[in-house]
N, C-alpha and C. Protein backbone atom coordinates (compact mmCIF):
# COMPACT_ATOMS: atom_id res chain seq x y z
N ARG A 1 52.20 -12.42 -42.88
CA ARG A 1 51.30 -13.40 -42.48
C ARG A 1 51.54 -13.52 -40.94
N LYS A 2 52.50 -13.02 -40.06
CA LYS A 2 52.63 -13.11 -38.78
C LYS A 2 51.19 -11.83 -38.11
N LEU A 3 51.62 -10.95 -38.85
CA LEU A 3 50.44 -9.84 -38.33
C LEU A 3 49.05 -9.97 -38.55
N GLY A 4 48.78 -10.92 -39.73
CA GLY A 4 47.25 -11.43 -39.83
C GLY A 4 47.01 -12.57 -38.80
N ASP A 5 47.98 -13.35 -38.51
CA ASP A 5 47.77 -14.31 -37.20
C ASP A 5 47.44 -13.56 -35.77
N SER A 6 48.30 -12.30 -36.00
CA SER A 6 47.96 -11.78 -34.49
C SER A 6 46.74 -10.91 -34.59
N LEU A 7 46.20 -10.40 -35.66
CA LEU A 7 44.95 -10.00 -35.77
C LEU A 7 43.84 -10.74 -35.58
N LYS A 8 43.89 -12.05 -36.15
CA LYS A 8 43.19 -12.91 -35.86
C LYS A 8 42.93 -13.38 -34.48
N GLU A 9 44.11 -13.74 -33.77
CA GLU A 9 43.95 -13.84 -32.48
C GLU A 9 43.41 -12.82 -31.62
N MET A 10 43.76 -11.68 -31.93
CA MET A 10 42.93 -10.32 -31.18
C MET A 10 41.88 -10.43 -31.45
N ALA A 11 40.98 -10.74 -32.70
CA ALA A 11 39.65 -10.59 -33.09
C ALA A 11 38.90 -11.73 -32.14
N LYS A 12 39.55 -13.01 -32.31
CA LYS A 12 39.11 -14.02 -31.35
C LYS A 12 38.99 -13.79 -30.06
N GLY A 13 39.99 -13.34 -29.43
CA GLY A 13 40.05 -12.74 -27.89
C GLY A 13 38.75 -11.72 -27.80
N HIS A 14 38.66 -10.87 -28.73
CA HIS A 14 37.72 -9.63 -28.43
C HIS A 14 36.36 -10.30 -28.64
N ARG A 15 36.21 -11.31 -29.34
CA ARG A 15 34.90 -12.07 -29.42
C ARG A 15 34.68 -12.89 -28.14
N SER A 16 35.82 -13.41 -27.78
CA SER A 16 35.52 -14.38 -26.24
C SER A 16 35.31 -13.31 -25.38
N ILE A 17 35.65 -12.35 -25.19
CA ILE A 17 35.41 -11.26 -24.15
C ILE A 17 34.16 -10.56 -24.25
N ASN A 18 33.56 -10.83 -25.59
CA ASN A 18 32.46 -9.66 -25.95
C ASN A 18 31.43 -11.16 -25.65
N SER A 19 31.41 -12.34 -25.71
CA SER A 19 30.55 -13.15 -25.40
C SER A 19 30.60 -13.58 -23.94
N ALA A 20 31.56 -13.61 -23.47
CA ALA A 20 31.33 -13.84 -21.80
C ALA A 20 30.77 -12.72 -21.33
N TYR A 21 30.82 -11.47 -21.61
CA TYR A 21 30.05 -10.28 -21.25
C TYR A 21 28.83 -10.06 -21.45
N THR A 22 28.30 -10.63 -23.03
CA THR A 22 26.80 -11.01 -23.22
C THR A 22 26.27 -11.78 -22.33
N ASN A 23 27.07 -13.23 -21.90
CA ASN A 23 26.48 -14.00 -21.16
C ASN A 23 26.29 -13.39 -19.66
N TRP A 24 27.22 -12.75 -19.23
CA TRP A 24 27.22 -12.18 -17.62
C TRP A 24 26.18 -10.98 -17.66
N ILE A 25 25.87 -10.32 -18.73
CA ILE A 25 24.68 -9.61 -18.79
C ILE A 25 23.28 -10.25 -18.73
N ALA A 26 23.26 -11.24 -19.47
CA ALA A 26 22.07 -12.15 -19.58
C ALA A 26 21.81 -12.80 -18.25
N SER A 27 22.96 -13.15 -17.58
CA SER A 27 22.72 -13.77 -16.27
C SER A 27 21.99 -12.70 -15.43
N ILE A 28 22.81 -11.89 -15.18
CA ILE A 28 22.27 -10.84 -14.25
C ILE A 28 20.74 -10.56 -14.47
N ASN A 29 20.66 -10.18 -15.77
CA ASN A 29 19.08 -9.90 -16.09
C ASN A 29 18.21 -11.07 -15.61
N THR A 30 18.62 -12.41 -15.82
CA THR A 30 17.99 -13.74 -15.64
C THR A 30 18.03 -13.60 -14.04
N ASP A 31 19.07 -13.51 -13.30
CA ASP A 31 18.99 -13.69 -11.83
C ASP A 31 18.62 -12.73 -10.70
N LEU A 32 18.87 -11.52 -11.52
CA LEU A 32 18.45 -10.43 -10.52
C LEU A 32 17.37 -9.39 -10.99
N VAL A 33 17.42 -9.09 -12.20
CA VAL A 33 16.36 -8.08 -12.71
C VAL A 33 15.26 -8.60 -12.50
N ILE A 34 14.85 -9.54 -13.14
CA ILE A 34 13.56 -10.35 -13.61
C ILE A 34 12.88 -10.64 -12.21
N PRO A 35 13.58 -11.33 -11.26
CA PRO A 35 13.05 -11.59 -10.17
C PRO A 35 12.77 -10.18 -9.17
N LEU A 36 13.55 -9.24 -9.28
CA LEU A 36 13.37 -8.02 -8.70
C LEU A 36 12.17 -7.52 -9.13
N GLU A 37 12.02 -7.58 -10.51
CA GLU A 37 10.72 -6.82 -11.00
C GLU A 37 9.41 -7.68 -10.86
N ASP A 38 9.56 -8.97 -10.70
CA ASP A 38 8.44 -9.88 -10.29
C ASP A 38 7.97 -9.39 -8.63
N LYS A 39 9.07 -9.22 -7.76
CA LYS A 39 8.78 -8.88 -6.51
C LYS A 39 8.02 -7.68 -6.36
N LEU A 40 8.51 -6.48 -6.98
CA LEU A 40 8.25 -5.38 -7.12
C LEU A 40 6.71 -5.21 -7.56
N SER A 41 6.26 -5.95 -8.54
CA SER A 41 5.13 -6.07 -9.11
C SER A 41 4.13 -6.65 -7.88
N ARG A 42 4.43 -7.84 -7.39
CA ARG A 42 3.60 -8.12 -6.60
C ARG A 42 3.51 -7.49 -5.20
N GLU A 43 4.44 -6.57 -4.72
CA GLU A 43 4.23 -5.84 -3.59
C GLU A 43 3.53 -4.73 -3.98
N GLN A 44 3.67 -3.98 -5.36
CA GLN A 44 2.66 -3.10 -5.56
C GLN A 44 1.35 -3.63 -5.53
N SER A 45 1.14 -4.77 -6.24
CA SER A 45 -0.38 -5.33 -6.15
C SER A 45 -0.86 -5.33 -4.62
N ASP A 46 -0.16 -5.78 -3.84
CA ASP A 46 -0.14 -6.09 -2.67
C ASP A 46 -0.60 -4.44 -1.77
N GLN A 47 -0.19 -3.73 -2.20
CA GLN A 47 -0.22 -2.54 -1.41
C GLN A 47 -1.43 -1.86 -2.05
N ILE A 48 -1.35 -1.79 -3.31
CA ILE A 48 -2.91 -1.59 -3.68
C ILE A 48 -4.21 -2.15 -3.14
N ARG A 49 -3.99 -3.46 -2.91
CA ARG A 49 -5.32 -3.94 -2.37
C ARG A 49 -5.37 -3.33 -0.85
N ASP A 50 -4.20 -3.63 -0.17
CA ASP A 50 -4.45 -2.78 1.28
C ASP A 50 -4.85 -1.50 1.36
N TRP A 51 -4.13 -0.71 0.52
CA TRP A 51 -4.81 0.43 0.17
C TRP A 51 -6.58 0.57 0.03
N LYS A 52 -6.55 0.10 -0.83
CA LYS A 52 -8.40 -0.03 -1.13
C LYS A 52 -9.02 -0.83 -0.19
N HIS A 53 -8.64 -1.80 0.43
CA HIS A 53 -9.17 -2.14 2.07
C HIS A 53 -9.07 -1.10 2.93
N TYR A 54 -7.98 -0.48 3.31
CA TYR A 54 -8.28 0.84 4.21
C TYR A 54 -9.01 1.71 3.72
N LYS A 55 -9.13 2.08 2.51
CA LYS A 55 -10.20 3.30 2.38
C LYS A 55 -11.50 2.95 2.34
N ASN A 56 -11.73 1.47 2.04
CA ASN A 56 -13.06 1.05 2.46
C ASN A 56 -13.53 1.00 3.78
N GLU A 57 -12.56 0.50 4.74
CA GLU A 57 -12.99 0.25 6.20
C GLU A 57 -13.24 1.61 6.59
N CYS A 58 -12.27 2.76 6.28
CA CYS A 58 -12.31 4.21 6.78
C CYS A 58 -13.79 4.79 6.24
N SER A 59 -13.92 4.77 4.73
CA SER A 59 -15.14 5.08 4.37
C SER A 59 -16.44 4.52 5.08
N LYS A 60 -16.40 3.43 5.48
CA LYS A 60 -17.72 2.77 6.08
C LYS A 60 -17.95 3.39 7.65
N LYS A 61 -16.61 3.35 8.38
CA LYS A 61 -16.55 3.95 9.70
C LYS A 61 -16.78 5.55 9.71
N GLU A 62 -16.54 6.30 8.76
CA GLU A 62 -17.02 7.71 8.45
C GLU A 62 -18.37 8.01 8.29
N ASN A 63 -18.95 6.94 7.59
CA ASN A 63 -20.29 7.08 7.30
C ASN A 63 -21.28 6.66 8.51
N LEU A 64 -20.84 5.72 9.23
CA LEU A 64 -21.32 5.53 10.70
C LEU A 64 -21.09 6.74 11.63
N VAL A 65 -19.98 7.46 11.45
CA VAL A 65 -20.01 8.87 12.60
C VAL A 65 -21.00 9.63 11.94
N GLU A 66 -20.83 9.86 10.76
CA GLU A 66 -21.94 10.99 10.11
C GLU A 66 -23.13 10.85 10.37
N LYS A 67 -23.61 9.18 10.53
CA LYS A 67 -24.95 8.93 10.56
C LYS A 67 -25.41 9.30 12.30
N SER A 68 -24.40 9.09 13.07
CA SER A 68 -24.51 9.34 14.19
C SER A 68 -24.64 10.82 14.68
N ASN A 69 -23.60 11.47 13.92
CA ASN A 69 -24.09 12.86 14.32
C ASN A 69 -25.12 13.51 13.50
N SER A 70 -25.72 13.14 12.76
CA SER A 70 -27.09 13.58 12.04
C SER A 70 -28.09 13.30 13.03
N LYS A 71 -27.95 12.19 13.83
CA LYS A 71 -28.99 11.42 14.74
C LYS A 71 -28.91 12.56 15.87
N LEU A 72 -27.88 12.72 16.05
CA LEU A 72 -27.34 13.95 17.57
C LEU A 72 -27.93 15.09 17.20
N LYS A 73 -27.99 15.79 15.90
CA LYS A 73 -28.23 17.13 15.57
C LYS A 73 -29.93 17.08 15.51
N ALA A 74 -30.47 15.92 15.12
CA ALA A 74 -31.96 15.85 15.01
C ALA A 74 -32.62 16.02 16.54
N LEU A 75 -31.83 14.90 17.04
CA LEU A 75 -32.12 14.66 18.53
C LEU A 75 -32.59 15.97 19.27
N ARG A 76 -31.06 16.99 18.92
CA ARG A 76 -30.86 18.28 19.65
C ARG A 76 -32.19 18.91 19.28
N LYS A 77 -32.42 19.16 18.57
CA LYS A 77 -33.44 19.72 17.79
C LYS A 77 -34.98 19.93 18.46
N LYS A 78 -35.20 18.54 19.02
CA LYS A 78 -36.50 18.24 19.55
C LYS A 78 -36.52 18.80 20.77
N LYS A 79 -37.80 18.78 21.41
CA LYS A 79 -37.86 19.28 22.82
C LYS A 79 -37.26 18.57 23.67
N ILE A 80 -36.46 19.29 24.71
CA ILE A 80 -35.78 18.65 25.65
C ILE A 80 -37.11 17.63 26.73
N THR A 81 -36.77 16.53 26.83
CA THR A 81 -37.15 15.44 27.78
C THR A 81 -36.13 14.50 28.34
N SER A 82 -36.71 13.82 29.43
CA SER A 82 -35.81 13.15 29.88
C SER A 82 -35.52 11.89 29.18
N GLU A 83 -36.27 11.32 28.43
CA GLU A 83 -36.37 10.14 27.26
C GLU A 83 -35.30 10.66 26.28
N ASN A 84 -35.26 12.27 25.89
CA ASN A 84 -34.46 12.59 24.83
C ASN A 84 -32.91 12.79 25.18
N GLN A 85 -32.87 13.01 26.65
CA GLN A 85 -31.67 13.13 27.29
C GLN A 85 -30.80 12.05 27.44
N GLU A 86 -31.80 10.73 27.58
CA GLU A 86 -31.24 9.33 27.87
C GLU A 86 -30.51 9.15 26.31
N LYS A 87 -31.45 9.09 25.30
CA LYS A 87 -30.95 8.98 23.83
C LYS A 87 -29.82 9.88 23.44
N GLU A 88 -30.09 11.17 24.08
CA GLU A 88 -28.79 11.79 23.62
C GLU A 88 -27.52 11.30 24.24
N ALA A 89 -27.49 11.00 25.30
CA ALA A 89 -26.37 10.26 26.14
C ALA A 89 -25.90 8.99 25.33
N GLN A 90 -26.91 7.89 25.05
CA GLN A 90 -26.45 6.98 24.25
C GLN A 90 -25.66 7.17 22.95
N ILE A 91 -26.59 8.07 22.13
CA ILE A 91 -25.81 8.35 20.91
C ILE A 91 -24.62 9.19 21.17
N CYS A 92 -24.37 9.68 21.97
CA CYS A 92 -23.02 10.36 22.19
C CYS A 92 -21.86 9.34 22.51
N GLN A 93 -22.39 8.27 23.36
CA GLN A 93 -21.38 7.20 23.81
C GLN A 93 -21.43 6.48 22.35
N ILE A 94 -22.15 6.07 21.69
CA ILE A 94 -21.73 5.70 20.29
C ILE A 94 -20.96 6.30 19.28
N LEU A 95 -21.10 7.63 19.44
CA LEU A 95 -20.16 8.31 18.58
C LEU A 95 -18.99 8.69 18.87
N ALA A 96 -18.83 8.40 20.43
CA ALA A 96 -17.69 8.43 20.83
C ALA A 96 -16.98 7.28 20.51
N ASP A 97 -17.63 5.96 20.70
CA ASP A 97 -17.01 4.69 20.26
C ASP A 97 -16.65 4.69 18.97
N GLN A 98 -17.21 5.32 18.14
CA GLN A 98 -17.26 5.19 16.63
C GLN A 98 -16.02 5.98 16.20
N GLN A 99 -16.07 7.27 16.55
CA GLN A 99 -14.76 7.95 16.50
C GLN A 99 -13.64 7.49 16.61
N SER A 100 -13.56 6.74 17.86
CA SER A 100 -12.19 6.22 18.44
C SER A 100 -12.24 4.77 17.71
N ASP A 101 -13.10 4.05 17.20
CA ASP A 101 -12.57 3.18 15.98
C ASP A 101 -12.07 3.74 14.89
N LEU A 102 -12.90 4.55 14.47
CA LEU A 102 -12.13 5.53 13.05
C LEU A 102 -10.84 5.89 13.01
N HIS A 103 -10.46 6.49 14.40
CA HIS A 103 -8.85 6.58 14.58
C HIS A 103 -7.96 5.83 14.80
N SER A 104 -8.49 4.57 15.62
CA SER A 104 -7.64 3.40 15.68
C SER A 104 -7.55 2.85 14.04
N THR A 105 -8.49 2.90 13.18
CA THR A 105 -8.17 2.16 11.94
C THR A 105 -7.30 2.99 11.02
N ARG A 106 -7.51 4.24 11.59
CA ARG A 106 -6.44 5.27 10.87
C ARG A 106 -5.00 5.07 11.03
N VAL A 107 -4.87 4.82 12.34
CA VAL A 107 -3.68 4.87 13.01
C VAL A 107 -2.99 3.32 12.81
N GLU A 108 -3.82 2.43 12.74
CA GLU A 108 -3.51 1.04 12.21
C GLU A 108 -2.87 1.11 10.63
N GLY A 109 -3.68 1.85 9.86
CA GLY A 109 -3.32 2.02 8.43
C GLY A 109 -1.80 2.50 8.62
N LEU A 110 -1.89 3.67 8.98
CA LEU A 110 -0.78 4.35 9.12
C LEU A 110 0.72 3.33 9.43
N ARG A 111 0.41 2.78 10.77
CA ARG A 111 1.63 1.89 11.11
C ARG A 111 2.04 0.95 10.12
N LYS A 112 1.05 0.26 9.39
CA LYS A 112 1.07 -0.70 8.55
C LYS A 112 1.71 -0.08 7.38
N ALA A 113 1.62 1.12 6.95
CA ALA A 113 2.05 1.67 5.94
C ALA A 113 3.20 1.90 6.09
N LEU A 114 3.90 2.19 7.17
CA LEU A 114 5.13 2.86 7.55
C LEU A 114 6.15 1.48 7.62
N ILE A 115 5.67 0.24 8.05
CA ILE A 115 6.27 -0.85 8.43
C ILE A 115 6.60 -1.55 7.03
N ASP A 116 5.21 -1.29 6.04
CA ASP A 116 5.69 -2.02 4.73
C ASP A 116 6.86 -1.10 3.98
N GLN A 117 6.86 0.20 4.36
CA GLN A 117 7.91 1.10 3.53
C GLN A 117 9.49 0.60 4.10
């Protein structure tokens, strides 16, 4: 009879410990894991949105640079006149500004990515 009572007490203690352990795991899941997963999901969607914006901006600016380059090449194929030289200087200035803007956009995108990391 004493042995049976002792085994019942041990089983009761084991159930109590197991129940406390299960509650502790559930609490960790609710208090830590789920909020971290939510935060990670939000950050991931923010990074995807920022990446798409960055790629879109770079693409637009690359297209402008390409257009200016093609205008410059077409102008250089024409006969050299003072009017063409003035246009060439203007296009060269516009091209330099666009390349600088593209470079700034890329640097800003990299800086933002490093900060986010």
